[in-house]
Every structure is written in structure tokens, then in C-alpha cells.
Amino acid sequence: MDLQAGILQDGSPMESLEKQLICPICLEMFSKPVVILPCQHNLCRKCANDVFQAANPYWQSRGSVISGGRFRCPSCRHEVLLDRHGVYGLQRNLLVENIIDIYKQECSSRPLKKGEHPMCKEHEDERINIYCLRCEAPTCSLCKVFGAHKDCEVAPLQTVFQGQKTELNNCISMLVAGNDRIQTIISQLEDSCQSTEENSEAAKRELCARFAALAALLEEKKAELLQRISQEQADKTAFIQSLICQYKEQLEKSSRLVETAIQAAEETGGAAFLMRGDRDTPVRALSLPRIVEASKGGRLDKIEPGYESMDAFSVSLDHLTEAVHALDFDP
């Protein structure tokens, strides 16, 4: 706490010093101040304990061991961690205590100046020293005896002041504790938000990995089935091509036979017709039964009807489609 800087900012050193010695909780001058580490702000030990108890409602001793806790400094909101001794484990600020003692001695030695105590507006020479409970206003003794408050119920001003000051301090402690709890909830919610984002990303990565594995399996199965179709295609195509070659060969032989038969048929002389056996083809090879047999293509293999069909390789994926549509997260 920089006392010198605070004093220089005010025209009256004593007034400025008094402001520096006020507890932010009870708004009174420090009583047995403690140092709140590590922010170095000061609190009355009782106020610090009130704030600590409000922020840690379940803090209690267990046998001879007392669990630690935490709360936030009301001046800077810095989080203060306490050991098992709680507030009583904090170091006392002896310097501030000495300054307070010196200040009180200085104040007690100063004569009371006129105007430092509030005076009654109706009776200028009377100090305000009582409080009207019905009107909820401070007043003087003459106002109670002769004035506007003669029929009202009154109480000593200091008593009312102490009562309301205590109530205000309790409210401040509750507000500070409430703010600390709210801050704790905010921190928890922020942690939950971050955890939600991290868990979501992990779930997305896992889902993508599972679908990638499923896609790879489907690609592998597709390649296997395509290979089987290609093999069947190659086998059937090779067989058909072999038949085509056989039939072409037979056609070529039959064409030559037709050509020879036509030439033989053009012979007009019987001797020449019958003597063709000395040249190209014997006439007996051109007999009608042989020609008929050659026109039938011999006994070459043929393909069965529907041989070119690939219907046997049809795959139904309806059940897989339904399974994909039914995909969902486990309950």
C-alpha cells in the first residue's frame, strides 16, 4: 500500500491518510490488519474471515487438521489461496497497525473544530445526536423535546449508526461472497464450455475415423466384386472369341468348297467334269451330302441362350442402405 502517494493526492494529509486506512469491507479503520498475498492489499482479520467463510461455506476442521480454502480479494479480485490455518495463517501488517496507532493519537490530540460535527438546521447550536425511528432521520434533542419529533420514538444516534453499519457490513460481506460464488460459477461454466468443445472435436475425429474405415472396407469389397465380374467377362469373352475363330475357319473352308463346286458345275462336258479329280478336287468330294454337311457348319460348339448375361453378379444393397439410414449414436 503506497501511503505517500495517497497522501500527496489530497490537500489534507490527515484526511488522505485516513482514506488509506479504511477497510474496503467494513469501511472502518483497519483492526488487526492482515496482508492478503500476493496482491498485498489489506483487510481486517475479521472481515477477511467473513469473506473467507462466505466463499467456503463447507470449510471446517477435521480432527486436528483444517483443510485450506480460497477467496478473492475484494479490492483487485485476485484469488487468494489459504493453507490449513485459514485466515489466521496470513501475516499481520505491523506497519499499518503502527500507522493506525499514530493516527489515532494525532486525532485525539487535535481540538474538535466547529463544523466537524453535523448541527441541527432548526437549532444551530445543537448537535445532531439522536435518530427518529418513525421519520428515519437524524435530529437533535431539542427537536425531540420541542420540535417536529416530540411525538416520535427516537434512539441514540450512535446506537442506530452502529446497528446500520453492522447491517451494511453484513450486506457487503454477503455481496462480496455472492460475487465470489458467481465468479466461481462463471469459471466452472467456462471450463465446461472448453471441455465441451474439446470433447466435441474428439467425438468428430472418432466419427470421421469410423466412417473412413467403413468407406475403406466398402472400397475393398467393391474392388473384389469388380474383379470377379472382370474375370467372368474375360472367360466368356475368350470362349466366344474362340468360337468366332472356329466359325470363321469353317466359313473359309465352306467358301472354298462353294467356289470349287460352282466351277465344277460350269463344266459342260461329262469327261471334263469327271476328270476334275486330276486337277483340284475329286468329284466325289463334291457330292450333295458332303455339301449339305459343310453348309451346316459341322459340329462346332455353340453358346447357350443368355450366355452373355451378367445377372448373376447383381448385388442388392437395400439392407445396407436401410442400415446406413438407421445409423445413430448409441443411447
Protein backbone atom coordinates (compact mmCIF):
# COMPACT_ATOMS: atom_id res chain seq x y z
CA MET A 1 0.00 0.00 0.00
CA ASP A 2 1.56 3.29 -1.18
CA LEU A 3 0.63 5.68 1.65
CA GLN A 4 2.87 8.51 0.47
CA ALA A 5 1.32 8.63 -2.99
CA GLY A 6 -2.18 8.69 -1.49
CA ILE A 7 -1.27 11.48 0.92
CA LEU A 8 0.17 13.68 -1.81
CA GLN A 9 -3.01 13.45 -3.85
CA ASP A 10 -5.09 15.20 -1.18
CA GLY A 11 -4.76 18.68 0.23
CA SER A 12 -5.15 17.47 3.83
CA PRO A 13 -2.56 14.81 4.76
CA MET A 14 -4.60 13.50 7.68
CA GLU A 15 -7.76 13.11 5.59
CA SER A 16 -5.82 11.39 2.86
CA LEU A 17 -4.12 9.13 5.38
CA GLU A 18 -7.49 8.22 6.87
CA LYS A 19 -8.74 7.14 3.45
CA GLN A 20 -5.76 4.85 3.08
CA LEU A 21 -6.50 3.19 6.43
CA ILE A 22 -10.14 2.28 5.66
CA CYS A 23 -11.04 -1.39 5.23
CA PRO A 24 -12.88 -1.96 1.90
CA ILE A 25 -15.29 -4.38 3.62
CA CYS A 26 -16.45 -2.72 6.83
CA LEU A 27 -15.48 0.83 5.73
CA GLU A 28 -13.95 1.34 9.16
CA MET A 29 -10.35 1.84 10.09
CA PHE A 30 -8.36 -1.38 9.97
CA SER A 31 -8.47 -3.60 13.04
CA LYS A 32 -5.62 -6.10 13.28
CA PRO A 33 -4.95 -5.84 9.55
CA VAL A 34 -3.56 -8.76 7.63
CA VAL A 35 -1.70 -8.92 4.33
CA ILE A 36 -3.50 -10.71 1.53
CA LEU A 37 -0.80 -12.40 -0.51
CA PRO A 38 0.30 -11.98 -3.22
CA CYS A 39 -1.65 -8.79 -4.11
CA GLN A 40 -0.53 -7.00 -0.88
CA HIS A 41 -3.96 -5.47 -0.19
CA ASN A 42 -5.11 -5.18 3.44
CA LEU A 43 -8.25 -6.32 5.24
CA CYS A 44 -9.36 -6.52 8.84
CA ARG A 45 -8.79 -10.01 10.06
CA LYS A 46 -12.49 -10.34 10.95
CA CYS A 47 -13.58 -9.04 7.54
CA ALA A 48 -11.18 -11.37 5.79
CA ASN A 49 -12.52 -14.26 7.83
CA ASP A 50 -16.13 -13.27 6.99
CA VAL A 51 -15.35 -13.18 3.27
CA PHE A 52 -13.45 -16.46 3.53
CA GLN A 53 -16.29 -18.18 5.39
CA ALA A 54 -18.84 -16.92 2.88
CA ALA A 55 -16.76 -18.17 -0.03
CA ASN A 56 -16.08 -21.52 1.68
CA PRO A 57 -19.31 -22.46 3.50
CA TYR A 58 -18.20 -26.07 3.96
CA TRP A 59 -14.79 -25.21 5.39
CA GLN A 60 -14.39 -26.91 8.75
CA SER A 61 -11.85 -28.62 10.93
CA ARG A 62 -11.45 -32.36 10.78
CA GLY A 63 -9.84 -33.50 13.99
CA SER A 64 -6.60 -31.63 14.37
CA VAL A 65 -6.25 -30.92 10.63
CA ILE A 66 -8.02 -27.98 9.00
CA SER A 67 -8.46 -28.00 5.25
CA GLY A 68 -7.39 -24.95 3.26
CA GLY A 69 -9.54 -22.78 1.01
CA ARG A 70 -9.62 -19.78 -1.29
CA PHE A 71 -11.41 -16.48 -1.84
CA ARG A 72 -10.96 -13.36 -3.95
CA CYS A 73 -9.53 -10.06 -2.79
CA PRO A 74 -12.40 -7.51 -2.72
CA SER A 75 -10.04 -4.79 -3.97
CA CYS A 76 -8.50 -6.42 -7.06
CA ARG A 77 -10.39 -9.77 -7.36
CA HIS A 78 -7.11 -11.64 -7.18
CA GLU A 79 -7.60 -15.22 -5.99
CA VAL A 80 -6.07 -15.86 -2.56
CA LEU A 81 -5.12 -19.42 -1.61
CA LEU A 82 -5.03 -20.25 2.10
CA ASP A 83 -3.36 -23.11 3.89
CA ARG A 84 -4.89 -25.28 6.60
CA HIS A 85 -4.72 -22.37 9.08
CA GLY A 86 -7.20 -20.34 7.01
CA VAL A 87 -7.19 -16.56 7.58
CA TYR A 88 -5.10 -16.96 10.72
CA GLY A 89 -2.26 -18.19 8.57
CA LEU A 90 -1.96 -14.77 6.90
CA GLN A 91 0.78 -12.43 8.05
CA ARG A 92 -0.20 -9.36 10.09
CA ASN A 93 0.73 -5.98 8.70
CA LEU A 94 2.50 -4.43 11.69
CA LEU A 95 3.43 -1.34 9.70
CA VAL A 96 -0.22 -0.48 9.07
CA GLU A 97 -1.04 -1.16 12.74
CA ASN A 98 1.66 1.27 13.86
CA ILE A 99 0.43 3.90 11.42
CA ILE A 100 -3.12 3.49 12.76
CA ASP A 101 -1.91 3.92 16.36
CA ILE A 102 -0.02 7.08 15.41
CA TYR A 103 -3.04 8.40 13.52
CA LYS A 104 -5.40 7.79 16.47
CA GLN A 105 -3.01 9.54 18.84
CA GLU A 106 -2.79 12.51 16.48
CA CYS A 107 -6.56 12.68 16.13
CA SER A 108 -7.13 12.51 19.91
CA SER A 109 -4.72 15.37 20.50
CA ARG A 110 -6.37 17.67 17.95
CA PRO A 111 -9.10 20.06 19.26
CA LEU A 112 -12.52 19.47 17.79
CA LYS A 113 -13.16 22.13 15.16
CA LYS A 114 -16.52 23.77 14.71
CA GLY A 115 -18.41 22.32 11.81
CA GLU A 116 -16.79 18.89 12.05
CA HIS A 117 -19.97 17.51 13.70
CA PRO A 118 -23.32 17.96 11.92
CA MET A 119 -25.51 20.62 13.53
CA CYS A 120 -29.30 20.83 13.58
CA LYS A 121 -30.81 23.15 10.98
CA GLU A 122 -33.64 24.18 13.32
CA HIS A 123 -31.36 24.70 16.33
CA GLU A 124 -27.98 25.90 15.10
CA ASP A 125 -26.21 25.40 18.41
CA GLU A 126 -27.47 21.84 18.86
CA ARG A 127 -25.53 18.84 17.58
CA ILE A 128 -27.41 16.04 15.87
CA ASN A 129 -27.21 13.26 18.43
CA ILE A 130 -30.44 11.21 18.16
CA TYR A 131 -32.28 9.36 15.42
CA CYS A 132 -36.03 9.47 14.79
CA LEU A 133 -37.13 5.90 14.15
CA ARG A 134 -40.53 6.89 12.70
CA CYS A 135 -39.22 9.56 10.32
CA GLU A 136 -35.96 7.68 9.75
CA ALA A 137 -33.95 10.89 10.08
CA PRO A 138 -31.21 12.12 12.45
CA THR A 139 -32.14 15.08 14.66
CA CYS A 140 -31.23 16.90 17.85
CA SER A 141 -32.51 16.70 21.40
CA LEU A 142 -34.46 19.99 21.18
CA CYS A 143 -36.35 18.70 18.14
CA LYS A 144 -37.39 15.72 20.24
CA VAL A 145 -38.46 17.85 23.21
CA PHE A 146 -39.99 20.88 21.50
CA GLY A 147 -39.79 20.35 17.75
CA ALA A 148 -41.22 18.24 14.97
CA HIS A 149 -40.15 14.93 16.52
CA LYS A 150 -41.61 15.40 20.02
CA ASP A 151 -44.19 12.64 19.43
CA CYS A 152 -41.79 10.29 17.67
CA GLU A 153 -39.85 7.39 19.00
CA VAL A 154 -36.12 8.08 18.94
CA ALA A 155 -32.89 6.22 19.68
CA PRO A 156 -29.30 7.27 20.34
CA LEU A 157 -27.65 8.21 17.10
CA GLN A 158 -24.56 6.11 17.82
CA THR A 159 -26.70 3.04 18.52
CA VAL A 160 -28.59 3.37 15.26
CA PHE A 161 -25.34 4.15 13.47
CA GLN A 162 -23.64 1.03 14.81
CA GLY A 163 -26.66 -1.12 14.00
CA GLN A 164 -26.97 0.11 10.44
CA LYS A 165 -23.21 0.00 9.99
CA THR A 166 -23.18 -3.62 11.12
CA GLU A 167 -26.08 -4.41 8.79
CA LEU A 168 -24.30 -2.67 5.93
CA ASN A 169 -21.10 -4.59 6.65
CA ASN A 170 -23.05 -7.84 6.64
CA CYS A 171 -24.62 -6.88 3.32
CA ILE A 172 -21.21 -6.04 1.91
CA SER A 173 -19.85 -9.38 3.07
CA MET A 174 -22.80 -11.15 1.50
CA LEU A 175 -22.36 -9.25 -1.75
CA VAL A 176 -18.64 -9.98 -1.86
CA ALA A 177 -19.29 -13.63 -1.09
CA GLY A 178 -22.06 -13.72 -3.69
CA ASN A 179 -19.77 -12.15 -6.28
CA ASP A 180 -17.11 -14.69 -5.46
CA ARG A 181 -19.57 -17.55 -5.86
CA ILE A 182 -20.77 -16.08 -9.15
CA GLN A 183 -17.17 -15.80 -10.32
CA THR A 184 -16.63 -19.41 -9.32
CA ILE A 185 -19.70 -20.47 -11.29
CA ILE A 186 -18.52 -18.45 -14.29
CA SER A 187 -15.13 -20.16 -14.11
CA GLN A 188 -16.82 -23.55 -13.91
CA LEU A 189 -19.08 -22.71 -16.86
CA GLU A 190 -16.10 -21.52 -18.90
CA ASP A 191 -14.27 -24.75 -18.06
CA SER A 192 -17.37 -26.72 -19.04
CA CYS A 193 -17.58 -24.79 -22.32
CA GLN A 194 -13.95 -25.52 -23.12
CA SER A 195 -14.38 -29.19 -22.17
CA THR A 196 -17.48 -29.38 -24.36
CA GLU A 197 -15.56 -28.02 -27.35
CA GLU A 198 -12.64 -30.40 -26.76
CA ASN A 199 -14.93 -33.41 -26.31
CA SER A 200 -16.89 -32.45 -29.43
CA GLU A 201 -13.73 -32.28 -31.51
CA ALA A 202 -12.63 -35.67 -30.17
CA ALA A 203 -16.06 -37.17 -30.98
CA LYS A 204 -15.90 -35.71 -34.51
CA ARG A 205 -12.44 -37.18 -35.07
CA GLU A 206 -13.58 -40.60 -33.85
CA LEU A 207 -16.70 -40.49 -36.04
CA CYS A 208 -14.67 -39.49 -39.11
CA ALA A 209 -12.20 -42.30 -38.42
CA ARG A 210 -15.00 -44.89 -38.16
CA PHE A 211 -16.63 -43.70 -41.39
CA ALA A 212 -13.26 -43.67 -43.13
CA ALA A 213 -12.68 -47.29 -42.05
CA LEU A 214 -16.17 -48.23 -43.27
CA ALA A 215 -15.56 -46.46 -46.60
CA ALA A 216 -12.24 -48.28 -46.98
CA LEU A 217 -13.97 -51.62 -46.30
CA LEU A 218 -16.64 -50.83 -48.89
CA GLU A 219 -13.99 -49.89 -51.45
CA GLU A 220 -12.13 -53.13 -50.77
CA LYS A 221 -15.32 -55.16 -51.18
CA LYS A 222 -16.24 -53.28 -54.34
CA ALA A 223 -12.82 -53.99 -55.84
CA GLU A 224 -13.21 -57.69 -55.00
CA LEU A 225 -16.64 -57.91 -56.67
CA LEU A 226 -15.45 -55.94 -59.70
CA GLN A 227 -12.56 -58.37 -60.06
CA ARG A 228 -14.95 -61.31 -60.10
CA ILE A 229 -17.07 -59.65 -62.79
CA SER A 230 -13.98 -58.86 -64.83
CA GLN A 231 -12.79 -62.45 -64.55
CA GLU A 232 -16.17 -63.78 -65.68
CA GLN A 233 -16.15 -61.28 -68.54
CA ALA A 234 -12.68 -62.39 -69.61
CA ASP A 235 -13.62 -66.09 -69.50
CA LYS A 236 -16.82 -65.65 -71.52
CA THR A 237 -15.20 -63.28 -73.98
CA ALA A 238 -12.30 -65.71 -74.56
CA PHE A 239 -14.73 -68.57 -75.16
CA ILE A 240 -16.82 -66.55 -77.59
CA GLN A 241 -13.70 -65.35 -79.44
CA SER A 242 -12.55 -68.95 -79.81
CA LEU A 243 -15.93 -69.87 -81.28
CA ILE A 244 -15.70 -66.93 -83.67
CA CYS A 245 -12.30 -68.16 -84.86
CA GLN A 246 -13.64 -71.69 -85.35
CA TYR A 247 -16.67 -70.47 -87.28
CA LYS A 248 -14.51 -68.17 -89.43
CA GLU A 249 -12.25 -71.10 -90.25
CA GLN A 250 -15.28 -73.22 -91.14
CA LEU A 251 -16.69 -70.37 -93.21
CA GLU A 252 -13.45 -70.08 -95.12
CA LYS A 253 -13.45 -73.81 -95.88
CA SER A 254 -17.09 -73.71 -96.89
CA SER A 255 -16.48 -70.70 -99.15
CA ARG A 256 -13.70 -72.51 -100.94
CA LEU A 257 -15.93 -75.53 -101.33
CA VAL A 258 -18.68 -73.38 -102.82
CA GLU A 259 -16.25 -71.82 -105.24
CA THR A 260 -14.94 -75.22 -106.35
CA ALA A 261 -18.45 -76.61 -106.62
CA ILE A 262 -19.53 -73.69 -108.81
CA GLN A 263 -16.55 -74.20 -111.09
CA ALA A 264 -17.35 -77.92 -111.36
CA ALA A 265 -20.94 -77.15 -112.09
CA GLU A 266 -19.92 -74.94 -115.02
CA GLU A 267 -18.29 -77.90 -116.84
CA THR A 268 -20.41 -78.91 -119.85
CA GLY A 269 -18.57 -81.98 -120.85
CA GLY A 270 -19.04 -85.15 -118.88
CA ALA A 271 -15.48 -86.27 -119.33
CA ALA A 272 -14.12 -82.94 -118.18
CA PHE A 273 -16.47 -82.90 -115.21
CA LEU A 274 -15.44 -86.33 -114.09
CA MET A 275 -11.76 -85.77 -114.70
CA ARG A 276 -11.52 -82.80 -112.22
CA GLY A 277 -10.11 -85.23 -109.76
CA ASP A 278 -6.86 -84.99 -111.67
CA ARG A 279 -6.73 -81.29 -111.01
CA ASP A 280 -8.30 -79.67 -107.86
CA THR A 281 -10.94 -81.63 -106.05
CA PRO A 282 -12.27 -85.09 -106.78
CA VAL A 283 -15.82 -85.02 -107.95
CA ARG A 284 -16.78 -87.46 -105.22
CA ALA A 285 -15.80 -84.79 -102.66
CA LEU A 286 -18.41 -82.53 -104.14
CA SER A 287 -21.26 -84.94 -103.59
CA LEU A 288 -24.51 -83.43 -102.35
CA PRO A 289 -24.38 -84.99 -98.88
CA ARG A 290 -20.94 -83.54 -98.27
CA ILE A 291 -22.03 -80.09 -99.40
CA VAL A 292 -25.11 -80.24 -97.17
CA GLU A 293 -22.95 -81.31 -94.24
CA ALA A 294 -20.48 -78.47 -94.90
CA SER A 295 -23.35 -75.93 -95.08
CA LYS A 296 -24.46 -76.93 -91.60
CA GLY A 297 -21.10 -75.84 -90.13
CA GLY A 298 -20.14 -79.26 -88.90
CA ARG A 299 -20.46 -79.95 -85.17
CA LEU A 300 -18.93 -76.75 -83.75
CA ASP A 301 -19.79 -75.61 -80.22
CA LYS A 302 -22.46 -73.01 -79.61
CA ILE A 303 -23.29 -70.70 -76.68
CA GLU A 304 -26.40 -71.22 -74.67
CA PRO A 305 -29.15 -68.55 -74.77
CA GLY A 306 -28.41 -65.82 -72.25
CA TYR A 307 -24.76 -66.85 -72.08
CA GLU A 308 -23.72 -63.16 -72.31
CA SER A 309 -25.92 -62.18 -69.34
CA MET A 310 -24.26 -60.95 -66.13
CA ASP A 311 -27.38 -61.05 -63.99
CA ALA A 312 -25.71 -63.49 -61.63
CA PHE A 313 -23.50 -60.68 -60.41
CA SER A 314 -26.34 -58.44 -59.28
CA VAL A 315 -25.92 -57.24 -55.66
CA SER A 316 -28.75 -55.96 -53.50
CA LEU A 317 -27.68 -53.11 -51.21
CA ASP A 318 -31.13 -52.33 -49.85
CA HIS A 319 -30.35 -53.74 -46.41
CA LEU A 320 -27.12 -51.74 -46.27
CA THR A 321 -28.97 -48.60 -47.35
CA GLU A 322 -31.51 -49.12 -44.60
CA ALA A 323 -28.72 -49.76 -42.10
CA VAL A 324 -26.97 -46.53 -43.13
CA HIS A 325 -30.21 -44.56 -42.78
CA ALA A 326 -30.71 -46.13 -39.34
CA LEU A 327 -27.23 -45.17 -38.17
CA ASP A 328 -27.38 -43.12 -34.97
CA PHE A 329 -25.45 -42.54 -31.77
CA ASP A 330 -25.68 -45.11 -29.01
CA PRO A 331 -28.20 -44.19 -26.30
